[in-house]
Protein backbone atom coordinates (compact mmCIF):
# COMPACT_ATOMS: atom_id res chain seq x y z
CA MET A 1 76.29 115.53 94.58
CA VAL A 2 73.58 117.95 95.66
CA VAL A 3 74.26 121.63 94.91
CA THR A 4 72.84 124.45 97.04
CA THR A 5 71.42 127.49 95.26
CA GLU A 6 69.49 130.58 96.30
CA ARG A 7 66.32 131.44 94.36
CA ASP A 8 63.27 133.52 95.32
CA GLU A 9 64.84 134.22 98.72
CA MET A 10 64.86 130.47 99.47
CA THR A 11 67.57 127.85 99.56
CA TRP A 12 67.08 125.10 97.00
CA TYR A 13 68.94 121.81 96.59
CA LYS A 14 69.64 120.74 93.02
CA CYS A 15 70.49 117.28 91.74
CA GLU A 16 73.64 117.65 89.64
CA THR A 17 72.71 114.61 87.58
CA CYS A 18 69.33 115.72 86.20
CA GLY A 19 68.88 119.28 87.50
CA LEU A 20 65.72 118.64 89.52
CA MET A 21 65.40 121.08 92.42
CA PHE A 22 64.11 120.41 95.94
CA ASP A 23 63.34 122.67 98.90
CA ASP A 24 64.44 119.97 101.34
CA GLN A 25 68.04 118.74 101.38
CA ALA A 26 67.11 115.24 102.57
CA ASP A 27 64.69 114.86 99.64
CA ALA A 28 67.37 115.98 97.20
CA ILE A 29 69.93 113.54 98.62
CA GLN A 30 67.44 110.66 98.51
CA HIS A 31 66.49 111.51 94.91
CA GLU A 32 70.11 111.75 93.80
CA GLU A 33 70.92 108.30 95.23
CA HIS A 34 68.39 106.81 92.81
CA CYS A 35 68.73 109.26 89.90
CA ASP A 36 69.63 107.72 86.55
CA ASP A 37 69.57 110.98 84.53
CA GLU A 38 66.38 110.06 82.69
CA ASP A 39 63.07 111.89 82.76
CA PRO A 40 61.61 111.87 86.27
CA SER A 41 59.18 108.99 86.82
CA TYR A 42 56.37 111.35 87.82
CA LEU A 43 56.16 112.53 84.19
CA GLN A 44 55.14 109.11 82.93
């Protein structure tokens, strides 16, 4: 489930599984559908 939070006067969408934050709700939802709670693939 994506959680909404306010930070730096902006609304952010946080993946409850891994904690990654997005500024776009659709991006957060898409990420969370494929999130496996491991390090994000872009860090490889």
